[in-house]
PDB file of all heavy atoms in Angstrom:
ATOM      1  N   PRO A   1       4.105  17.573   1.591  1.00  0.00           N
ATOM      2  CA  PRO A   1       4.029  16.118   1.596  1.00  0.00           C
ATOM      3  C   PRO A   1       3.292  15.626   0.374  1.00  0.00           C
ATOM      4  O   PRO A   1       2.352  16.248  -0.109  1.00  0.00           O
ATOM      5  CB  PRO A   1       3.240  15.822   2.891  1.00  0.00           C
ATOM      6  CG  PRO A   1       3.336  17.059   3.709  1.00  0.00           C
ATOM      7  CD  PRO A   1       3.455  18.200   2.760  1.00  0.00           C
ATOM      8  N   ALA A   2       3.739  14.520  -0.154  1.00  0.00           N
ATOM      9  CA  ALA A   2       3.135  13.985  -1.379  1.00  0.00           C
ATOM     10  C   ALA A   2       1.653  13.729  -1.198  1.00  0.00           C
ATOM     11  O   ALA A   2       0.862  13.869  -2.123  1.00  0.00           O
ATOM     12  CB  ALA A   2       3.842  12.701  -1.804  1.00  0.00           C
ATOM     13  N   SER A   3       1.241  13.351   0.003  1.00  0.00           N
ATOM     14  CA  SER A   3      -0.156  13.010   0.221  1.00  0.00           C
ATOM     15  C   SER A   3      -1.053  14.234   0.235  1.00  0.00           C
ATOM     16  O   SER A   3      -2.248  14.125  -0.015  1.00  0.00           O
ATOM     17  CB  SER A   3      -0.307  12.259   1.558  1.00  0.00           C
ATOM     18  OG  SER A   3       0.176  13.066   2.625  1.00  0.00           O
ATOM     19  N   SER A   4      -0.478  15.431   0.523  1.00  0.00           N
ATOM     20  CA  SER A   4      -1.307  16.628   0.623  1.00  0.00           C
ATOM     21  C   SER A   4      -1.246  17.490  -0.616  1.00  0.00           C
ATOM     22  O   SER A   4      -2.032  18.417  -0.759  1.00  0.00           O
ATOM     23  CB  SER A   4      -0.872  17.474   1.825  1.00  0.00           C
ATOM     24  OG  SER A   4       0.475  17.907   1.653  1.00  0.00           O
ATOM     25  N   SER A   5      -0.325  17.258  -1.484  1.00  0.00           N
ATOM     26  CA  SER A   5      -0.199  18.074  -2.684  1.00  0.00           C
ATOM     27  C   SER A   5      -1.106  17.541  -3.780  1.00  0.00           C
ATOM     28  O   SER A   5      -1.520  16.391  -3.781  1.00  0.00           O
ATOM     29  CB  SER A   5       1.249  18.095  -3.176  1.00  0.00           C
ATOM     30  OG  SER A   5       1.644  16.803  -3.573  1.00  0.00           O
ATOM     31  N   ALA A   6      -1.393  18.452  -4.763  1.00  0.00           N
ATOM     32  CA  ALA A   6      -2.245  18.051  -5.883  1.00  0.00           C
ATOM     33  C   ALA A   6      -1.578  16.957  -6.696  1.00  0.00           C
ATOM     34  O   ALA A   6      -2.225  16.003  -7.136  1.00  0.00           O
ATOM     35  CB  ALA A   6      -2.549  19.264  -6.768  1.00  0.00           C
ATOM     36  N   ALA A   7      -0.246  17.119  -6.906  1.00  0.00           N
ATOM     37  CA  ALA A   7       0.458  16.089  -7.666  1.00  0.00           C
ATOM     38  C   ALA A   7       0.521  14.779  -6.897  1.00  0.00           C
ATOM     39  O   ALA A   7       0.521  13.691  -7.503  1.00  0.00           O
ATOM     40  CB  ALA A   7       1.871  16.574  -8.002  1.00  0.00           C
ATOM     41  N   GLY A   8       0.569  14.856  -5.567  1.00  0.00           N
ATOM     42  CA  GLY A   8       0.628  13.637  -4.778  1.00  0.00           C
ATOM     43  C   GLY A   8      -0.599  12.767  -4.944  1.00  0.00           C
ATOM     44  O   GLY A   8      -0.519  11.538  -4.833  1.00  0.00           O
ATOM     45  N   ARG A   9      -1.746  13.377  -5.204  1.00  0.00           N
ATOM     46  CA  ARG A   9      -2.968  12.611  -5.392  1.00  0.00           C
ATOM     47  C   ARG A   9      -2.950  11.822  -6.684  1.00  0.00           C
ATOM     48  O   ARG A   9      -3.798  10.951  -6.901  1.00  0.00           O
ATOM     49  CB  ARG A   9      -4.171  13.553  -5.343  1.00  0.00           C
ATOM     50  CG  ARG A   9      -4.450  14.095  -3.946  1.00  0.00           C
ATOM     51  CD  ARG A   9      -5.794  14.784  -3.896  1.00  0.00           C
ATOM     52  NE  ARG A   9      -5.760  16.075  -4.576  1.00  0.00           N
ATOM     53  CZ  ARG A   9      -5.451  17.223  -3.978  1.00  0.00           C
ATOM     54  NH1 ARG A   9      -5.118  17.228  -2.690  1.00  0.00           N
ATOM     55  NH2 ARG A   9      -5.453  18.354  -4.654  1.00  0.00           N
ATOM     56  N   LEU A  10      -2.001  12.144  -7.573  1.00  0.00           N
ATOM     57  CA  LEU A  10      -1.875  11.386  -8.812  1.00  0.00           C
ATOM     58  C   LEU A  10      -1.027  10.134  -8.651  1.00  0.00           C
ATOM     59  O   LEU A  10      -0.939   9.320  -9.579  1.00  0.00           O
ATOM     60  CB  LEU A  10      -1.252  12.271  -9.902  1.00  0.00           C
ATOM     61  CG  LEU A  10      -2.026  13.530 -10.299  1.00  0.00           C
ATOM     62  CD1 LEU A  10      -1.207  14.347 -11.276  1.00  0.00           C
ATOM     63  CD2 LEU A  10      -3.377  13.163 -10.897  1.00  0.00           C
ATOM     64  N   SER A  11      -0.394   9.972  -7.484  1.00  0.00           N
ATOM     65  CA  SER A  11       0.533   8.853  -7.294  1.00  0.00           C
ATOM     66  C   SER A  11      -0.159   7.502  -7.425  1.00  0.00           C
ATOM     67  O   SER A  11       0.448   6.525  -7.865  1.00  0.00           O
ATOM     68  CB  SER A  11       1.213   8.962  -5.928  1.00  0.00           C
ATOM     69  OG  SER A  11       1.948  10.167  -5.835  1.00  0.00           O
ATOM     70  N   GLY A  12      -1.414   7.458  -7.039  1.00  0.00           N
ATOM     71  CA  GLY A  12      -2.121   6.183  -7.148  1.00  0.00           C
ATOM     72  C   GLY A  12      -2.615   5.883  -8.546  1.00  0.00           C
ATOM     73  O   GLY A  12      -3.124   4.784  -8.788  1.00  0.00           O
ATOM     74  N   ILE A  13      -2.460   6.844  -9.449  1.00  0.00           N
ATOM     75  CA  ILE A  13      -2.960   6.658 -10.818  1.00  0.00           C
ATOM     76  C   ILE A  13      -1.811   6.534 -11.810  1.00  0.00           C
ATOM     77  O   ILE A  13      -1.850   5.704 -12.713  1.00  0.00           O
ATOM     78  CB  ILE A  13      -3.875   7.839 -11.214  1.00  0.00           C
ATOM     79  CG1 ILE A  13      -5.013   7.993 -10.200  1.00  0.00           C
ATOM     80  CG2 ILE A  13      -4.427   7.655 -12.614  1.00  0.00           C
ATOM     81  CD1 ILE A  13      -5.860   9.227 -10.430  1.00  0.00           C
ATOM     82  N   LEU A  14      -0.787   7.380 -11.639  1.00  0.00           N
ATOM     83  CA  LEU A  14       0.321   7.442 -12.589  1.00  0.00           C
ATOM     84  C   LEU A  14       1.598   6.949 -11.950  1.00  0.00           C
ATOM     85  O   LEU A  14       1.748   6.977 -10.714  1.00  0.00           O
ATOM     86  CB  LEU A  14       0.510   8.886 -13.071  1.00  0.00           C
ATOM     87  CG  LEU A  14      -0.690   9.529 -13.772  1.00  0.00           C
ATOM     88  CD1 LEU A  14      -0.416  11.006 -14.034  1.00  0.00           C
ATOM     89  CD2 LEU A  14      -1.007   8.808 -15.072  1.00  0.00           C
ATOM     90  N   PRO A  15       2.577   6.503 -12.747  1.00  0.00           N
ATOM     91  CA  PRO A  15       3.883   6.107 -12.198  1.00  0.00           C
ATOM     92  C   PRO A  15       4.562   7.287 -11.503  1.00  0.00           C
ATOM     93  O   PRO A  15       4.363   8.447 -11.876  1.00  0.00           O
ATOM     94  CB  PRO A  15       4.663   5.667 -13.438  1.00  0.00           C
ATOM     95  CG  PRO A  15       3.622   5.331 -14.457  1.00  0.00           C
ATOM     96  CD  PRO A  15       2.481   6.253 -14.199  1.00  0.00           C
ATOM     97  N   GLN A  16       5.388   6.992 -10.534  1.00  0.00           N
ATOM     98  CA  GLN A  16       6.023   8.042  -9.751  1.00  0.00           C
ATOM     99  C   GLN A  16       6.905   8.968 -10.586  1.00  0.00           C
ATOM    100  O   GLN A  16       6.913  10.187 -10.358  1.00  0.00           O
ATOM    101  CB  GLN A  16       6.848   7.413  -8.615  1.00  0.00           C
ATOM    102  CG  GLN A  16       7.351   8.426  -7.596  1.00  0.00           C
ATOM    103  CD  GLN A  16       6.207   9.194  -6.952  1.00  0.00           C
ATOM    104  OE1 GLN A  16       5.182   8.627  -6.603  1.00  0.00           O
ATOM    105  NE2 GLN A  16       6.387  10.500  -6.796  1.00  0.00           N
ATOM    106  N   PRO A  17       7.687   8.469 -11.568  1.00  0.00           N
ATOM    107  CA  PRO A  17       8.475   9.411 -12.391  1.00  0.00           C
ATOM    108  C   PRO A  17       7.607  10.424 -13.126  1.00  0.00           C
ATOM    109  O   PRO A  17       7.976  11.589 -13.252  1.00  0.00           O
ATOM    110  CB  PRO A  17       9.216   8.490 -13.363  1.00  0.00           C
ATOM    111  CG  PRO A  17       9.293   7.180 -12.668  1.00  0.00           C
ATOM    112  CD  PRO A  17       8.021   7.061 -11.887  1.00  0.00           C
ATOM    113  N   VAL A  18       6.457   9.997 -13.620  1.00  0.00           N
ATOM    114  CA  VAL A  18       5.547  10.914 -14.301  1.00  0.00           C
ATOM    115  C   VAL A  18       5.001  11.943 -13.319  1.00  0.00           C
ATOM    116  O   VAL A  18       4.926  13.144 -13.613  1.00  0.00           O
ATOM    117  CB  VAL A  18       4.400  10.138 -14.970  1.00  0.00           C
ATOM    118  CG1 VAL A  18       3.382  11.103 -15.587  1.00  0.00           C
ATOM    119  CG2 VAL A  18       4.938   9.190 -16.025  1.00  0.00           C
ATOM    120  N   VAL A  19       4.621  11.486 -12.136  1.00  0.00           N
ATOM    121  CA  VAL A  19       4.117  12.398 -11.107  1.00  0.00           C
ATOM    122  C   VAL A  19       5.178  13.424 -10.730  1.00  0.00           C
ATOM    123  O   VAL A  19       4.883  14.595 -10.497  1.00  0.00           O
ATOM    124  CB  VAL A  19       3.660  11.605  -9.875  1.00  0.00           C
ATOM    125  CG1 VAL A  19       3.246  12.556  -8.753  1.00  0.00           C
ATOM    126  CG2 VAL A  19       2.502  10.685 -10.228  1.00  0.00           C
ATOM    127  N   GLY A  20       6.447  12.986 -10.681  1.00  0.00           N
ATOM    128  CA  GLY A  20       7.527  13.912 -10.360  1.00  0.00           C
ATOM    129  C   GLY A  20       7.659  15.016 -11.393  1.00  0.00           C
ATOM    130  O   GLY A  20       7.879  16.183 -11.046  1.00  0.00           O
ATOM    131  N   VAL A  21       7.520  14.680 -12.668  1.00  0.00           N
ATOM    132  CA  VAL A  21       7.587  15.697 -13.719  1.00  0.00           C
ATOM    133  C   VAL A  21       6.410  16.659 -13.606  1.00  0.00           C
ATOM    134  O   VAL A  21       6.562  17.884 -13.749  1.00  0.00           O
ATOM    135  CB  VAL A  21       7.622  15.027 -15.108  1.00  0.00           C
ATOM    136  CG1 VAL A  21       7.577  16.082 -16.214  1.00  0.00           C
ATOM    137  CG2 VAL A  21       8.877  14.178 -15.263  1.00  0.00           C
ATOM    138  N   VAL A  22       5.216  16.129 -13.356  1.00  0.00           N
ATOM    139  CA  VAL A  22       4.028  16.976 -13.191  1.00  0.00           C
ATOM    140  C   VAL A  22       4.228  17.949 -12.033  1.00  0.00           C
ATOM    141  O   VAL A  22       3.947  19.158 -12.147  1.00  0.00           O
ATOM    142  CB  VAL A  22       2.776  16.112 -12.969  1.00  0.00           C
ATOM    143  CG1 VAL A  22       1.570  16.994 -12.630  1.00  0.00           C
ATOM    144  CG2 VAL A  22       2.483  15.264 -14.197  1.00  0.00           C
ATOM    145  N   ALA A  23       4.709  17.433 -10.907  1.00  0.00           N
ATOM    146  CA  ALA A  23       4.911  18.282  -9.729  1.00  0.00           C
ATOM    147  C   ALA A  23       5.939  19.373 -10.013  1.00  0.00           C
ATOM    148  O   ALA A  23       5.770  20.524  -9.596  1.00  0.00           O
ATOM    149  CB  ALA A  23       5.352  17.425  -8.545  1.00  0.00           C
ATOM    150  N   THR A  24       7.001  19.025 -10.724  1.00  0.00           N
ATOM    151  CA  THR A  24       8.032  20.014 -11.045  1.00  0.00           C
ATOM    152  C   THR A  24       7.478  21.115 -11.943  1.00  0.00           C
ATOM    153  O   THR A  24       7.751  22.303 -11.727  1.00  0.00           O
ATOM    154  CB  THR A  24       9.225  19.325 -11.732  1.00  0.00           C
ATOM    155  OG1 THR A  24       9.755  18.327 -10.863  1.00  0.00           O
ATOM    156  CG2 THR A  24      10.304  20.332 -12.072  1.00  0.00           C
ATOM    157  N   ASP A  25       6.703  20.744 -12.956  1.00  0.00           N
ATOM    158  CA  ASP A  25       6.116  21.746 -13.849  1.00  0.00           C
ATOM    159  C   ASP A  25       5.211  22.697 -13.075  1.00  0.00           C
ATOM    160  O   ASP A  25       5.255  23.919 -13.269  1.00  0.00           O
ATOM    161  CB  ASP A  25       5.310  21.055 -14.951  1.00  0.00           C
ATOM    162  CG  ASP A  25       6.204  20.456 -16.024  1.00  0.00           C
ATOM    163  OD1 ASP A  25       7.389  20.840 -16.093  1.00  0.00           O
ATOM    164  OD2 ASP A  25       5.723  19.601 -16.799  1.00  0.00           O
ATOM    165  N   TRP A  26       4.389  22.157 -12.205  1.00  0.00           N
ATOM    166  CA  TRP A  26       3.451  23.007 -11.473  1.00  0.00           C
ATOM    167  C   TRP A  26       4.172  23.904 -10.476  1.00  0.00           C
ATOM    168  O   TRP A  26       3.766  25.054 -10.263  1.00  0.00           O
ATOM    169  CB  TRP A  26       2.419  22.134 -10.766  1.00  0.00           C
ATOM    170  CG  TRP A  26       1.441  21.491 -11.721  1.00  0.00           C
ATOM    171  CD1 TRP A  26       1.338  21.731 -13.062  1.00  0.00           C
ATOM    172  CD2 TRP A  26       0.440  20.525 -11.409  1.00  0.00           C
ATOM    173  NE1 TRP A  26       0.331  20.968 -13.614  1.00  0.00           N
ATOM    174  CE2 TRP A  26      -0.245  20.225 -12.631  1.00  0.00           C
ATOM    175  CE3 TRP A  26       0.044  19.886 -10.250  1.00  0.00           C
ATOM    176  CZ2 TRP A  26      -1.293  19.314 -12.683  1.00  0.00           C
ATOM    177  CZ3 TRP A  26      -1.007  18.964 -10.308  1.00  0.00           C
ATOM    178  CH2 TRP A  26      -1.666  18.689 -11.512  1.00  0.00           C
ATOM    179  N   LYS A  27       5.236  23.403  -9.843  1.00  0.00           N
ATOM    180  CA  LYS A  27       5.989  24.249  -8.919  1.00  0.00           C
ATOM    181  C   LYS A  27       6.654  25.401  -9.654  1.00  0.00           C
ATOM    182  O   LYS A  27       6.659  26.540  -9.183  1.00  0.00           O
ATOM    183  CB  LYS A  27       7.050  23.410  -8.202  1.00  0.00           C
ATOM    184  CG  LYS A  27       6.489  22.477  -7.141  1.00  0.00           C
ATOM    185  CD  LYS A  27       7.595  21.660  -6.492  1.00  0.00           C
ATOM    186  CE  LYS A  27       7.034  20.700  -5.440  1.00  0.00           C
ATOM    187  NZ  LYS A  27       8.098  19.862  -4.827  1.00  0.00           N
ATOM    188  N   ARG A  28       7.248  25.109 -10.811  1.00  0.00           N
ATOM    189  CA  ARG A  28       7.869  26.183 -11.597  1.00  0.00           C
ATOM    190  C   ARG A  28       6.840  27.228 -12.005  1.00  0.00           C
ATOM    191  O   ARG A  28       7.110  28.425 -11.961  1.00  0.00           O
ATOM    192  CB  ARG A  28       8.532  25.593 -12.842  1.00  0.00           C
ATOM    193  CG  ARG A  28       9.786  24.769 -12.563  1.00  0.00           C
ATOM    194  CD  ARG A  28      10.258  24.084 -13.835  1.00  0.00           C
ATOM    195  NE  ARG A  28      11.467  23.302 -13.622  1.00  0.00           N
ATOM    196  CZ  ARG A  28      11.987  22.466 -14.520  1.00  0.00           C
ATOM    197  NH1 ARG A  28      11.396  22.328 -15.706  1.00  0.00           N
ATOM    198  NH2 ARG A  28      13.082  21.789 -14.244  1.00  0.00           N
ATOM    199  N   ALA A  29       5.674  26.768 -12.397  1.00  0.00           N
ATOM    200  CA  ALA A  29       4.628  27.701 -12.814  1.00  0.00           C
ATOM    201  C   ALA A  29       4.152  28.558 -11.648  1.00  0.00           C
ATOM    202  O   ALA A  29       3.890  29.756 -11.811  1.00  0.00           O
ATOM    203  CB  ALA A  29       3.451  26.934 -13.417  1.00  0.00           C
ATOM    204  N   ARG A  30       4.038  27.965 -10.475  1.00  0.00           N
ATOM    205  CA  ARG A  30       3.563  28.711  -9.308  1.00  0.00           C
ATOM    206  C   ARG A  30       4.602  29.716  -8.823  1.00  0.00           C
ATOM    207  O   ARG A  30       4.258  30.833  -8.425  1.00  0.00           O
ATOM    208  CB  ARG A  30       3.213  27.729  -8.187  1.00  0.00           C
ATOM    209  CG  ARG A  30       2.576  28.412  -6.966  1.00  0.00           C
ATOM    210  CD  ARG A  30       2.149  27.413  -5.918  1.00  0.00           C
ATOM    211  NE  ARG A  30       3.285  26.733  -5.312  1.00  0.00           N
ATOM    212  CZ  ARG A  30       3.600  25.472  -5.508  1.00  0.00           C
ATOM    213  NH1 ARG A  30       2.859  24.739  -6.330  1.00  0.00           N
ATOM    214  NH2 ARG A  30       4.640  24.920  -4.913  1.00  0.00           N
TER     215      ARG A  30
END
């Protein structure tokens, strides 16, 4: 869930498209 993930905590700071790219990069890395 967006609220429980590390990238989800960025939703209140950054635009959602940017957060989506961040989340994708981190998932690929993991």
